C-alpha atoms as a PDB file:
ATOM      1  CA  UNK A   1      -2.574  25.971  -3.106  1.00  0.00           C
ATOM      2  CA  UNK A   2      -4.978  23.577  -4.956  1.00  0.00           C
ATOM      3  CA  UNK A   3      -1.956  21.163  -6.403  1.00  0.00           C
ATOM      4  CA  UNK A   4      -0.328  20.893  -2.739  1.00  0.00           C
ATOM      5  CA  UNK A   5      -4.066  19.685  -1.928  1.00  0.00           C
ATOM      6  CA  UNK A   6      -3.838  17.151  -4.621  1.00  0.00           C
ATOM      7  CA  UNK A   7      -0.383  16.015  -3.431  1.00  0.00           C
ATOM      8  CA  UNK A   8      -1.461  15.476  -0.146  1.00  0.00           C
ATOM      9  CA  UNK A   9      -4.396  13.619  -1.323  1.00  0.00           C
ATOM     10  CA  UNK A  10      -2.612  11.332  -3.611  1.00  0.00           C
ATOM     11  CA  UNK A  11       0.258  10.842  -0.755  1.00  0.00           C
ATOM     12  CA  UNK A  12      -2.415   9.340   1.407  1.00  0.00           C
ATOM     13  CA  UNK A  13      -3.518   6.631  -1.360  1.00  0.00           C
ATOM     14  CA  UNK A  14      -1.928   2.851  -0.450  1.00  0.00           C
ATOM     15  CA  UNK A  15       1.228   1.891  -2.647  1.00  0.00           C
ATOM     16  CA  UNK A  16      -1.036  -0.245  -5.069  1.00  0.00           C
ATOM     17  CA  UNK A  17      -3.261   2.938  -5.998  1.00  0.00           C
ATOM     18  CA  UNK A  18      -0.718   5.460  -6.336  1.00  0.00           C
ATOM     19  CA  UNK A  19       1.294   2.700  -8.944  1.00  0.00           C
ATOM     20  CA  UNK A  20      -2.361   2.719 -10.891  1.00  0.00           C
ATOM     21  CA  UNK A  21      -2.590   6.378 -10.598  1.00  0.00           C
ATOM     22  CA  UNK A  22       0.765   6.693 -11.952  1.00  0.00           C
ATOM     23  CA  UNK A  23       0.056   4.101 -14.644  1.00  0.00           C
ATOM     24  CA  UNK A  24      -3.136   6.019 -15.561  1.00  0.00           C
ATOM     25  CA  UNK A  25      -1.729   9.188 -15.915  1.00  0.00           C
ATOM     26  CA  UNK A  26       1.477   8.355 -18.389  1.00  0.00           C
ATOM     27  CA  UNK A  27      -1.198   6.791 -20.717  1.00  0.00           C
ATOM     28  CA  UNK A  28      -2.489   8.758 -23.639  1.00  0.00           C
ATOM     29  CA  UNK A  29      -6.047   7.905 -23.045  1.00  0.00           C
ATOM     30  CA  UNK A  30      -8.160   7.180 -19.458  1.00  0.00           C
ATOM     31  CA  UNK A  31     -10.805   4.450 -19.735  1.00  0.00           C
ATOM     32  CA  UNK A  32     -14.048   4.521 -17.942  1.00  0.00           C
ATOM     33  CA  UNK A  33     -13.184   1.705 -16.077  1.00  0.00           C
ATOM     34  CA  UNK A  34     -10.192   4.046 -14.714  1.00  0.00           C
ATOM     35  CA  UNK A  35     -12.768   6.948 -14.011  1.00  0.00           C
ATOM     36  CA  UNK A  36     -14.743   4.583 -12.020  1.00  0.00           C
ATOM     37  CA  UNK A  37     -12.077   3.330 -10.226  1.00  0.00           C
ATOM     38  CA  UNK A  38     -10.921   6.748  -9.270  1.00  0.00           C
ATOM     39  CA  UNK A  39     -14.344   7.987  -8.129  1.00  0.00           C
ATOM     40  CA  UNK A  40     -14.485   4.599  -5.995  1.00  0.00           C
ATOM     41  CA  UNK A  41     -11.444   5.648  -4.436  1.00  0.00           C
ATOM     42  CA  UNK A  42     -12.517   9.206  -3.535  1.00  0.00           C
ATOM     43  CA  UNK A  43     -13.637   9.413   0.035  1.00  0.00           C
ATOM     44  CA  UNK A  44     -12.415   6.183   1.005  1.00  0.00           C
ATOM     45  CA  UNK A  45     -11.139   7.641   4.167  1.00  0.00           C
ATOM     46  CA  UNK A  46     -14.013   9.872   4.636  1.00  0.00           C
ATOM     47  CA  UNK A  47     -15.521   7.884   7.863  1.00  0.00           C
ATOM     48  CA  UNK A  48     -11.619   7.840   9.730  1.00  0.00           C
ATOM     49  CA  UNK A  49     -11.648  10.023  12.296  1.00  0.00           C
ATOM     50  CA  UNK A  50      -8.108  11.398  11.752  1.00  0.00           C
ATOM     51  CA  UNK A  51      -7.556  12.773  15.011  1.00  0.00           C
ATOM     52  CA  UNK A  52      -8.121   9.474  16.724  1.00  0.00           C
ATOM     53  CA  UNK A  53      -6.175   7.757  14.225  1.00  0.00           C
ATOM     54  CA  UNK A  54      -2.970   9.782  14.888  1.00  0.00           C
ATOM     55  CA  UNK A  55      -3.480   9.546  18.654  1.00  0.00           C
ATOM     56  CA  UNK A  56      -3.728   5.834  18.111  1.00  0.00           C
ATOM     57  CA  UNK A  57      -0.598   5.451  16.357  1.00  0.00           C
ATOM     58  CA  UNK A  58       1.258   7.837  19.158  1.00  0.00           C
ATOM     59  CA  UNK A  59       0.099   5.913  21.706  1.00  0.00           C
ATOM     60  CA  UNK A  60       1.241   2.457  19.952  1.00  0.00           C
ATOM     61  CA  UNK A  61       4.210   4.093  19.422  1.00  0.00           C
ATOM     62  CA  UNK A  62       4.832   4.992  23.325  1.00  0.00           C
ATOM     63  CA  UNK A  63       3.539   1.337  24.263  1.00  0.00           C
ATOM     64  CA  UNK A  64       5.965  -0.544  21.855  1.00  0.00           C
ATOM     65  CA  UNK A  65       9.424   1.459  22.841  1.00  0.00           C
ATOM     66  CA  UNK A  66       8.402   1.259  26.520  1.00  0.00           C
ATOM     67  CA  UNK A  67       8.055  -2.645  26.032  1.00  0.00           C
ATOM     68  CA  UNK A  68      11.619  -2.520  23.852  1.00  0.00           C
ATOM     69  CA  UNK A  69      13.411  -0.788  26.977  1.00  0.00           C
ATOM     70  CA  UNK A  70      12.139  -3.004  29.684  1.00  0.00           C
ATOM     71  CA  UNK A  71      12.684  -6.479  27.549  1.00  0.00           C
ATOM     72  CA  UNK A  72      16.038  -5.046  26.631  1.00  0.00           C
ATOM     73  CA  UNK A  73      16.772  -3.908  30.615  1.00  0.00           C
ATOM     74  CA  UNK A  74      15.304  -7.562  31.661  1.00  0.00           C
ATOM     75  CA  UNK A  75      17.449  -9.263  29.090  1.00  0.00           C
ATOM     76  CA  UNK A  76      20.744  -7.255  30.459  1.00  0.00           C
ATOM     77  CA  UNK A  77      20.088  -8.001  33.855  1.00  0.00           C
ATOM     78  CA  UNK A  78      19.850 -11.748  33.385  1.00  0.00           C
ATOM     79  CA  UNK A  79      22.663 -12.417  31.106  1.00  0.00           C
END
């Protein structure tokens, strides 16, 4: 559904941009600057390989948790 796609795109925006969008939507009138800012944001992530980004995130999570476990075990062993 179109509205779900729109919500998903909004969720991808950084918090500051979401705040700006929320402010713009609350106004009676949208300025030309607001329209231009929205156009600049559109497609800002188009050059990102989403699958690789997801893989990198999960790999970092795994590496971080392993280090935490090892550090915990080592500190427990030596205390």
